[in-house]
Amino acid sequence: MSKQFIFVGAIVGTLVLAGPGSARRGAAPIPVLPPPGDFVSRIDNKYFPLRPGTTFLFRGTQQGKARLVSVFVTHRTKMILGIRATVVLDQVLVGGKREEKTFDWYAQDKRGNVWYLGEDSSDFVNGRWVRSDGSWQAGVNGAKAGILMKANPRIGDVYRQEYYAGHAEDMAKVLRRSESVTVPYGNFERGLETSEWTPLERGVLEHKYYVKGVGNVRTITVKGGSEEEHLVSIKR
């Protein structure tokens, strides 16, 4: 799973100005991480709330096989660059077999932006877990934090979700804020739709849909693949 983002006035302006005209891949600037004192203890962004103890279950397909994704917001935290990040465990089964396990680290600043501070990801290979090349942590080996979800996303905004050169370089662009979306969990109006990609996998493009008060409800690869996920349930 790829995912990240100083929303001090000047930086916000830079990101907004980097919107529609900067949709070229690789054009989004690397955001500046605010100091630890600018972060809060809860992640309650309207499009990406992470309440500890919550499990999001997604079902879909991957290359013709059933795909099951479990996202658990743990009660654990991890200190990264002086910031206390929430630890989220993401597990993927494909065709009933273990494929991927990832610990993601998120934190929210006082403005409401959810920052992505890194991930410890492993692939299940030949009966054992092998750490993925895409694993990274902000502040280690030149890796930089990014923004997974902005406090007030605007149509045309382009931003980096993570940056670890040559390993993790996901970016996103806000496409719509009033999209209707239907998944097994429910029917929603005014969903937020984003386009997400990485220059490390040219020709691959995903669209993601987020709903206020819920979070991500649908992910679909629209170019360069056939993966698709839909939110089935939320358990607290």
C-alpha atoms as a PDB file:
ATOM      1  CA  MET A   1       0.000   0.000   0.000  1.00  0.00           C
ATOM      2  CA  SER A   2       1.424   3.276  -0.891  1.00  0.00           C
ATOM      3  CA  LYS A   3       0.686   6.432   0.813  1.00  0.00           C
ATOM      4  CA  GLN A   4       1.759  11.285   2.600  1.00  0.00           C
ATOM      5  CA  PHE A   5       2.396  15.925   3.830  1.00  0.00           C
ATOM      6  CA  ILE A   6       4.498  22.981   6.614  1.00  0.00           C
ATOM      7  CA  PHE A   7       1.118  23.815   6.065  1.00  0.00           C
ATOM      8  CA  VAL A   8       2.247  27.183   7.229  1.00  0.00           C
ATOM      9  CA  GLY A   9       0.802  29.862   4.967  1.00  0.00           C
ATOM     10  CA  ALA A  10       3.599  29.982   2.405  1.00  0.00           C
ATOM     11  CA  ILE A  11       3.759  26.234   1.944  1.00  0.00           C
ATOM     12  CA  VAL A  12       0.019  25.904   1.607  1.00  0.00           C
ATOM     13  CA  GLY A  13       0.129  28.501  -1.111  1.00  0.00           C
ATOM     14  CA  THR A  14       2.897  26.604  -2.883  1.00  0.00           C
ATOM     15  CA  LEU A  15       0.924  23.375  -2.869  1.00  0.00           C
ATOM     16  CA  VAL A  16      -2.242  25.008  -4.110  1.00  0.00           C
ATOM     17  CA  LEU A  17      -0.404  26.828  -6.869  1.00  0.00           C
ATOM     18  CA  ALA A  18       1.146  23.511  -7.826  1.00  0.00           C
ATOM     19  CA  GLY A  19      -2.318  22.224  -8.630  1.00  0.00           C
ATOM     20  CA  PRO A  20      -3.831  21.861 -12.106  1.00  0.00           C
ATOM     21  CA  GLY A  21      -0.860  23.219 -14.006  1.00  0.00           C
ATOM     22  CA  SER A  22       1.542  20.912 -12.180  1.00  0.00           C
ATOM     23  CA  ALA A  23      -0.186  17.607 -12.729  1.00  0.00           C
ATOM     24  CA  ARG A  24       2.917  16.417 -14.545  1.00  0.00           C
ATOM     25  CA  ARG A  25       4.313  13.447 -12.729  1.00  0.00           C
ATOM     26  CA  GLY A  26       7.150  14.420 -10.414  1.00  0.00           C
ATOM     27  CA  ALA A  27       6.102  18.104 -10.280  1.00  0.00           C
ATOM     28  CA  ALA A  28       4.689  18.169  -6.732  1.00  0.00           C
ATOM     29  CA  PRO A  29       7.000  19.802  -4.163  1.00  0.00           C
ATOM     30  CA  ILE A  30       8.199  17.965  -1.061  1.00  0.00           C
ATOM     31  CA  PRO A  31       6.259  19.506   1.860  1.00  0.00           C
ATOM     32  CA  VAL A  32       8.030  20.755   4.979  1.00  0.00           C
ATOM     33  CA  LEU A  33       7.159  18.824   8.140  1.00  0.00           C
ATOM     34  CA  PRO A  34       5.906  21.068  10.979  1.00  0.00           C
ATOM     35  CA  PRO A  35       7.688  20.904  14.376  1.00  0.00           C
ATOM     36  CA  PRO A  36       6.448  18.349  16.942  1.00  0.00           C
ATOM     37  CA  GLY A  37       4.598  21.056  18.898  1.00  0.00           C
ATOM     38  CA  ASP A  38       2.297  21.603  15.906  1.00  0.00           C
ATOM     39  CA  PHE A  39       0.814  18.097  16.109  1.00  0.00           C
ATOM     40  CA  VAL A  40      -2.240  16.872  18.026  1.00  0.00           C
ATOM     41  CA  SER A  41      -2.921  13.513  19.677  1.00  0.00           C
ATOM     42  CA  ARG A  42      -6.007  12.528  17.627  1.00  0.00           C
ATOM     43  CA  ILE A  43      -6.493  11.933  13.929  1.00  0.00           C
ATOM     44  CA  ASP A  44      -9.992  13.211  13.193  1.00  0.00           C
ATOM     45  CA  ASN A  45      -9.586  14.635   9.680  1.00  0.00           C
ATOM     46  CA  LYS A  46     -13.065  14.513   8.118  1.00  0.00           C
ATOM     47  CA  TYR A  47     -11.918  12.426   5.159  1.00  0.00           C
ATOM     48  CA  PHE A  48      -9.426  10.232   7.037  1.00  0.00           C
ATOM     49  CA  PRO A  49     -10.409   9.672  10.686  1.00  0.00           C
ATOM     50  CA  LEU A  50      -8.342   7.064  12.539  1.00  0.00           C
ATOM     51  CA  ARG A  51      -9.943   6.068  15.822  1.00  0.00           C
ATOM     52  CA  PRO A  52      -7.845   3.499  17.736  1.00  0.00           C
ATOM     53  CA  GLY A  53      -9.545   0.119  17.956  1.00  0.00           C
ATOM     54  CA  THR A  54     -11.275   0.477  14.563  1.00  0.00           C
ATOM     55  CA  THR A  55     -10.994  -2.187  11.845  1.00  0.00           C
ATOM     56  CA  PHE A  56     -11.850  -1.383   8.210  1.00  0.00           C
ATOM     57  CA  LEU A  57     -12.491  -4.426   6.002  1.00  0.00           C
ATOM     58  CA  PHE A  58     -12.209  -4.191   2.209  1.00  0.00           C
ATOM     59  CA  ARG A  59     -12.937  -6.792  -0.448  1.00  0.00           C
ATOM     60  CA  GLY A  60     -12.034  -6.720  -4.118  1.00  0.00           C
ATOM     61  CA  THR A  61     -10.044  -8.382  -6.849  1.00  0.00           C
ATOM     62  CA  GLN A  62      -6.425  -8.504  -7.953  1.00  0.00           C
ATOM     63  CA  GLN A  63      -5.512 -10.073 -11.290  1.00  0.00           C
ATOM     64  CA  GLY A  64      -8.691 -12.108 -11.221  1.00  0.00           C
ATOM     65  CA  LYS A  65      -8.224 -13.346  -7.645  1.00  0.00           C
ATOM     66  CA  ALA A  66     -10.197 -12.398  -4.534  1.00  0.00           C
ATOM     67  CA  ARG A  67      -8.477  -9.648  -2.541  1.00  0.00           C
ATOM     68  CA  LEU A  68      -9.167  -9.083   1.177  1.00  0.00           C
ATOM     69  CA  VAL A  69      -7.696  -6.120   3.027  1.00  0.00           C
ATOM     70  CA  SER A  70      -7.930  -5.530   6.774  1.00  0.00           C
ATOM     71  CA  VAL A  71      -6.893  -2.124   8.145  1.00  0.00           C
ATOM     72  CA  PHE A  72      -6.660  -1.989  11.953  1.00  0.00           C
ATOM     73  CA  VAL A  73      -6.042   1.278  13.812  1.00  0.00           C
ATOM     74  CA  THR A  74      -3.999   0.094  16.765  1.00  0.00           C
ATOM     75  CA  HIS A  75      -3.669   1.723  20.185  1.00  0.00           C
ATOM     76  CA  ARG A  76       0.099   1.790  19.637  1.00  0.00           C
ATOM     77  CA  THR A  77       2.142   4.870  18.819  1.00  0.00           C
ATOM     78  CA  LYS A  78       5.660   5.398  17.452  1.00  0.00           C
ATOM     79  CA  MET A  79       7.920   8.399  18.009  1.00  0.00           C
ATOM     80  CA  ILE A  80       9.264   9.736  14.717  1.00  0.00           C
ATOM     81  CA  LEU A  81      11.245  12.999  14.640  1.00  0.00           C
ATOM     82  CA  GLY A  82       9.698  13.906  18.000  1.00  0.00           C
ATOM     83  CA  ILE A  83       6.152  13.330  16.707  1.00  0.00           C
ATOM     84  CA  ARG A  84       3.916  10.671  18.256  1.00  0.00           C
ATOM     85  CA  ALA A  85       2.465   8.780  15.293  1.00  0.00           C
ATOM     86  CA  THR A  86      -0.518   6.416  15.292  1.00  0.00           C
ATOM     87  CA  VAL A  87       0.348   2.882  14.169  1.00  0.00           C
ATOM     88  CA  VAL A  88      -2.028   1.282  11.646  1.00  0.00           C
ATOM     89  CA  LEU A  89      -1.732  -2.383  10.643  1.00  0.00           C
ATOM     90  CA  ASP A  90      -2.688  -3.171   7.044  1.00  0.00           C
ATOM     91  CA  GLN A  91      -2.903  -6.857   6.004  1.00  0.00           C
ATOM     92  CA  VAL A  92      -3.611  -8.206   2.514  1.00  0.00           C
ATOM     93  CA  LEU A  93      -4.785 -11.655   1.406  1.00  0.00           C
ATOM     94  CA  VAL A  94      -4.966 -12.566  -2.293  1.00  0.00           C
ATOM     95  CA  GLY A  95      -6.692 -15.772  -3.322  1.00  0.00           C
ATOM     96  CA  GLY A  96      -6.950 -16.658   0.363  1.00  0.00           C
ATOM     97  CA  LYS A  97      -3.177 -16.498   0.828  1.00  0.00           C
ATOM     98  CA  ARG A  98      -1.117 -13.984   2.799  1.00  0.00           C
ATOM     99  CA  GLU A  99       0.550 -11.451   0.531  1.00  0.00           C
ATOM    100  CA  GLU A 100       1.437  -8.242   2.352  1.00  0.00           C
ATOM    101  CA  LYS A 101       1.643  -6.856   5.898  1.00  0.00           C
ATOM    102  CA  THR A 102       2.342  -3.197   6.614  1.00  0.00           C
ATOM    103  CA  PHE A 103       2.623  -0.986   9.696  1.00  0.00           C
ATOM    104  CA  ASP A 104       1.829   2.583   8.608  1.00  0.00           C
ATOM    105  CA  TRP A 105       2.610   5.651  10.755  1.00  0.00           C
ATOM    106  CA  TYR A 106       0.315   8.688  10.658  1.00  0.00           C
ATOM    107  CA  ALA A 107       0.002  11.954  12.609  1.00  0.00           C
ATOM    108  CA  GLN A 108      -2.245  15.008  12.328  1.00  0.00           C
ATOM    109  CA  ASP A 109      -1.134  18.619  12.643  1.00  0.00           C
ATOM    110  CA  LYS A 110      -3.141  21.410  14.296  1.00  0.00           C
ATOM    111  CA  ARG A 111      -4.522  22.500  10.925  1.00  0.00           C
ATOM    112  CA  GLY A 112      -6.027  19.064  10.332  1.00  0.00           C
ATOM    113  CA  ASN A 113      -3.603  17.712   7.725  1.00  0.00           C
ATOM    114  CA  VAL A 114      -2.802  14.015   8.110  1.00  0.00           C
ATOM    115  CA  TRP A 115       0.899  13.385   7.613  1.00  0.00           C
ATOM    116  CA  TYR A 116       2.375  10.075   6.496  1.00  0.00           C
ATOM    117  CA  LEU A 117       5.600   9.419   8.420  1.00  0.00           C
ATOM    118  CA  GLY A 118       6.539   6.063   6.973  1.00  0.00           C
ATOM    119  CA  GLU A 119       5.808   2.372   6.768  1.00  0.00           C
ATOM    120  CA  ASP A 120       7.318  -0.966   7.690  1.00  0.00           C
ATOM    121  CA  SER A 121       6.085  -3.259   4.931  1.00  0.00           C
ATOM    122  CA  SER A 122       6.692  -6.979   4.362  1.00  0.00           C
ATOM    123  CA  ASP A 123       5.792  -9.425   1.568  1.00  0.00           C
ATOM    124  CA  PHE A 124       5.045 -13.102   2.223  1.00  0.00           C
ATOM    125  CA  VAL A 125       7.566 -15.001   0.098  1.00  0.00           C
ATOM    126  CA  ASN A 126       8.244 -18.747   0.209  1.00  0.00           C
ATOM    127  CA  GLY A 127       6.577 -19.162   3.578  1.00  0.00           C
ATOM    128  CA  ARG A 128       8.160 -16.223   5.369  1.00  0.00           C
ATOM    129  CA  TRP A 129       7.848 -12.463   5.690  1.00  0.00           C
ATOM    130  CA  VAL A 130      10.457 -10.465   3.759  1.00  0.00           C
ATOM    131  CA  ARG A 131      10.823  -6.721   4.384  1.00  0.00           C
ATOM    132  CA  SER A 132       9.776  -4.721   1.345  1.00  0.00           C
ATOM    133  CA  ASP A 133      12.091  -2.345  -0.493  1.00  0.00           C
ATOM    134  CA  GLY A 134       9.330   0.252  -0.153  1.00  0.00           C
ATOM    135  CA  SER A 135       9.700   0.470   3.635  1.00  0.00           C
ATOM    136  CA  TRP A 136      10.820   3.875   4.887  1.00  0.00           C
ATOM    137  CA  GLN A 137      10.765   6.244   7.857  1.00  0.00           C
ATOM    138  CA  ALA A 138      10.837  10.048   7.809  1.00  0.00           C
ATOM    139  CA  GLY A 139      14.271  11.306   8.815  1.00  0.00           C
ATOM    140  CA  VAL A 140      16.074   8.058   7.975  1.00  0.00           C
ATOM    141  CA  ASN A 141      18.333   7.834   4.901  1.00  0.00           C
ATOM    142  CA  GLY A 142      16.932  11.055   3.469  1.00  0.00           C
ATOM    143  CA  ALA A 143      13.261   9.983   3.579  1.00  0.00           C
ATOM    144  CA  LYS A 144      10.717  12.809   3.945  1.00  0.00           C
ATOM    145  CA  ALA A 145       7.194  12.800   5.347  1.00  0.00           C
ATOM    146  CA  GLY A 146       4.288  13.629   3.076  1.00  0.00           C
ATOM    147  CA  ILE A 147       0.564  14.280   3.378  1.00  0.00           C
ATOM    148  CA  LEU A 148      -1.943  11.504   3.037  1.00  0.00           C
ATOM    149  CA  MET A 149      -4.965  13.786   3.405  1.00  0.00           C
ATOM    150  CA  LYS A 150      -5.147  17.571   3.496  1.00  0.00           C
ATOM    151  CA  ALA A 151      -7.372  19.351   5.997  1.00  0.00           C
ATOM    152  CA  ASN A 152      -9.289  21.124   3.220  1.00  0.00           C
ATOM    153  CA  PRO A 153      -8.594  19.438  -0.121  1.00  0.00           C
ATOM    154  CA  ARG A 154      -9.363  21.590  -3.154  1.00  0.00           C
ATOM    155  CA  ILE A 155      -9.997  20.416  -6.682  1.00  0.00           C
ATOM    156  CA  GLY A 156      -6.708  20.538  -8.586  1.00  0.00           C
ATOM    157  CA  ASP A 157      -4.443  20.262  -5.530  1.00  0.00           C
ATOM    158  CA  VAL A 158      -1.380  18.118  -6.247  1.00  0.00           C
ATOM    159  CA  TYR A 159       0.762  16.895  -3.348  1.00  0.00           C
ATOM    160  CA  ARG A 160       3.342  14.314  -2.342  1.00  0.00           C
ATOM    161  CA  GLN A 161       2.201  11.573   0.000  1.00  0.00           C
ATOM    162  CA  GLU A 162       5.712  10.273   0.707  1.00  0.00           C
ATOM    163  CA  TYR A 163       9.284  10.698  -0.433  1.00  0.00           C
ATOM    164  CA  TYR A 164      12.101   8.199  -0.180  1.00  0.00           C
ATOM    165  CA  ALA A 165      14.010   8.563  -3.448  1.00  0.00           C
ATOM    166  CA  GLY A 166      13.829   5.479  -5.611  1.00  0.00           C
ATOM    167  CA  HIS A 167      11.716   3.547  -3.110  1.00  0.00           C
ATOM    168  CA  ALA A 168       8.544   5.439  -2.144  1.00  0.00           C
ATOM    169  CA  GLU A 169       7.383   8.473  -4.137  1.00  0.00           C
ATOM    170  CA  ASP A 170       3.564   8.415  -4.164  1.00  0.00           C
ATOM    171  CA  MET A 171       1.697  11.556  -5.211  1.00  0.00           C
ATOM    172  CA  ALA A 172      -1.949  12.547  -5.438  1.00  0.00           C
ATOM    173  CA  LYS A 173      -4.252  15.030  -7.148  1.00  0.00           C
ATOM    174  CA  VAL A 174      -7.754  16.024  -6.027  1.00  0.00           C
ATOM    175  CA  LEU A 175     -10.220  15.421  -8.867  1.00  0.00           C
ATOM    176  CA  ARG A 176     -13.703  15.946  -7.395  1.00  0.00           C
ATOM    177  CA  ARG A 177     -15.439  16.716  -4.104  1.00  0.00           C
ATOM    178  CA  SER A 178     -19.024  15.757  -4.948  1.00  0.00           C
ATOM    179  CA  GLU A 179     -18.729  12.266  -6.374  1.00  0.00           C
ATOM    180  CA  SER A 180     -21.439   9.651  -5.740  1.00  0.00           C
ATOM    181  CA  VAL A 181     -19.984   6.326  -4.659  1.00  0.00           C
ATOM    182  CA  THR A 182     -21.646   3.011  -3.774  1.00  0.00           C
ATOM    183  CA  VAL A 183     -19.866   0.207  -1.916  1.00  0.00           C
ATOM    184  CA  PRO A 184     -21.128  -2.736   0.183  1.00  0.00           C
ATOM    185  CA  TYR A 185     -20.807  -0.568   3.312  1.00  0.00           C
ATOM    186  CA  GLY A 186     -23.268   2.029   1.947  1.00  0.00           C
ATOM    187  CA  ASN A 187     -24.264   4.663  -0.593  1.00  0.00           C
ATOM    188  CA  PHE A 188     -22.653   8.079  -0.326  1.00  0.00           C
ATOM    189  CA  GLU A 189     -22.957  11.491  -1.967  1.00  0.00           C
ATOM    190  CA  ARG A 190     -20.317  14.206  -2.163  1.00  0.00           C
ATOM    191  CA  GLY A 191     -17.391  11.823  -1.910  1.00  0.00           C
ATOM    192  CA  LEU A 192     -13.828  13.059  -2.446  1.00  0.00           C
ATOM    193  CA  GLU A 193     -12.113  11.502  -5.470  1.00  0.00           C
ATOM    194  CA  THR A 194      -8.347  11.554  -5.914  1.00  0.00           C
ATOM    195  CA  SER A 195      -5.941  10.307  -8.552  1.00  0.00           C
ATOM    196  CA  GLU A 196      -2.778   8.684  -7.165  1.00  0.00           C
ATOM    197  CA  TRP A 197       0.431   7.565  -8.865  1.00  0.00           C
ATOM    198  CA  THR A 198       4.188   7.162  -8.484  1.00  0.00           C
ATOM    199  CA  PRO A 199       6.941   7.939 -11.010  1.00  0.00           C
ATOM    200  CA  LEU A 200       8.484   4.621  -9.952  1.00  0.00           C
ATOM    201  CA  GLU A 201       5.645   2.762 -11.715  1.00  0.00           C
ATOM    202  CA  ARG A 202       4.948   4.734 -14.853  1.00  0.00           C
ATOM    203  CA  GLY A 203       1.749   3.794 -16.598  1.00  0.00           C
ATOM    204  CA  VAL A 204      -0.040   2.851 -13.358  1.00  0.00           C
ATOM    205  CA  LEU A 205      -2.825   5.088 -12.034  1.00  0.00           C
ATOM    206  CA  GLU A 206      -5.282   4.644  -9.144  1.00  0.00           C
ATOM    207  CA  HIS A 207      -8.433   6.496  -8.196  1.00  0.00           C
ATOM    208  CA  LYS A 208      -9.467   6.618  -4.540  1.00  0.00           C
ATOM    209  CA  TYR A 209     -12.740   7.694  -2.985  1.00  0.00           C
ATOM    210  CA  TYR A 210     -13.093   9.140   0.519  1.00  0.00           C
ATOM    211  CA  VAL A 211     -16.255   9.932   2.490  1.00  0.00           C
ATOM    212  CA  LYS A 212     -16.611  12.406   5.361  1.00  0.00           C
ATOM    213  CA  GLY A 213     -16.698  10.716   8.740  1.00  0.00           C
ATOM    214  CA  VAL A 214     -15.728   7.358   7.230  1.00  0.00           C
ATOM    215  CA  GLY A 215     -12.480   7.569   5.274  1.00  0.00           C
ATOM    216  CA  ASN A 216     -11.424   5.598   2.219  1.00  0.00           C
ATOM    217  CA  VAL A 217     -14.299   3.547   0.792  1.00  0.00           C
ATOM    218  CA  ARG A 218     -13.085   2.554  -2.656  1.00  0.00           C
ATOM    219  CA  THR A 219      -9.802   2.137  -4.554  1.00  0.00           C
ATOM    220  CA  ILE A 220      -9.581   1.157  -8.207  1.00  0.00           C
ATOM    221  CA  THR A 221      -6.663   0.884 -10.612  1.00  0.00           C
ATOM    222  CA  VAL A 222      -7.773   2.725 -13.747  1.00  0.00           C
ATOM    223  CA  LYS A 223      -4.564   2.249 -15.720  1.00  0.00           C
ATOM    224  CA  GLY A 224      -1.811  -0.356 -15.663  1.00  0.00           C
ATOM    225  CA  GLY A 225      -3.547  -3.004 -13.575  1.00  0.00           C
ATOM    226  CA  SER A 226      -6.799  -4.531 -12.402  1.00  0.00           C
ATOM    227  CA  GLU A 227      -6.850  -4.121  -8.614  1.00  0.00           C
ATOM    228  CA  GLU A 228     -10.040  -2.941  -6.943  1.00  0.00           C
ATOM    229  CA  GLU A 229     -11.176  -2.650  -3.304  1.00  0.00           C
ATOM    230  CA  HIS A 230     -14.517  -1.722  -1.724  1.00  0.00           C
ATOM    231  CA  LEU A 231     -15.278  -1.024   1.942  1.00  0.00           C
ATOM    232  CA  VAL A 232     -17.388  -3.849   3.375  1.00  0.00           C
ATOM    233  CA  SER A 233     -17.516  -3.135   7.096  1.00  0.00           C
ATOM    234  CA  ILE A 234     -16.213  -1.049   9.987  1.00  0.00           C
ATOM    235  CA  LYS A 235     -15.865  -2.567  13.442  1.00  0.00           C
ATOM    236  CA  ARG A 236     -15.043  -0.661  16.625  1.00  0.00           C
END
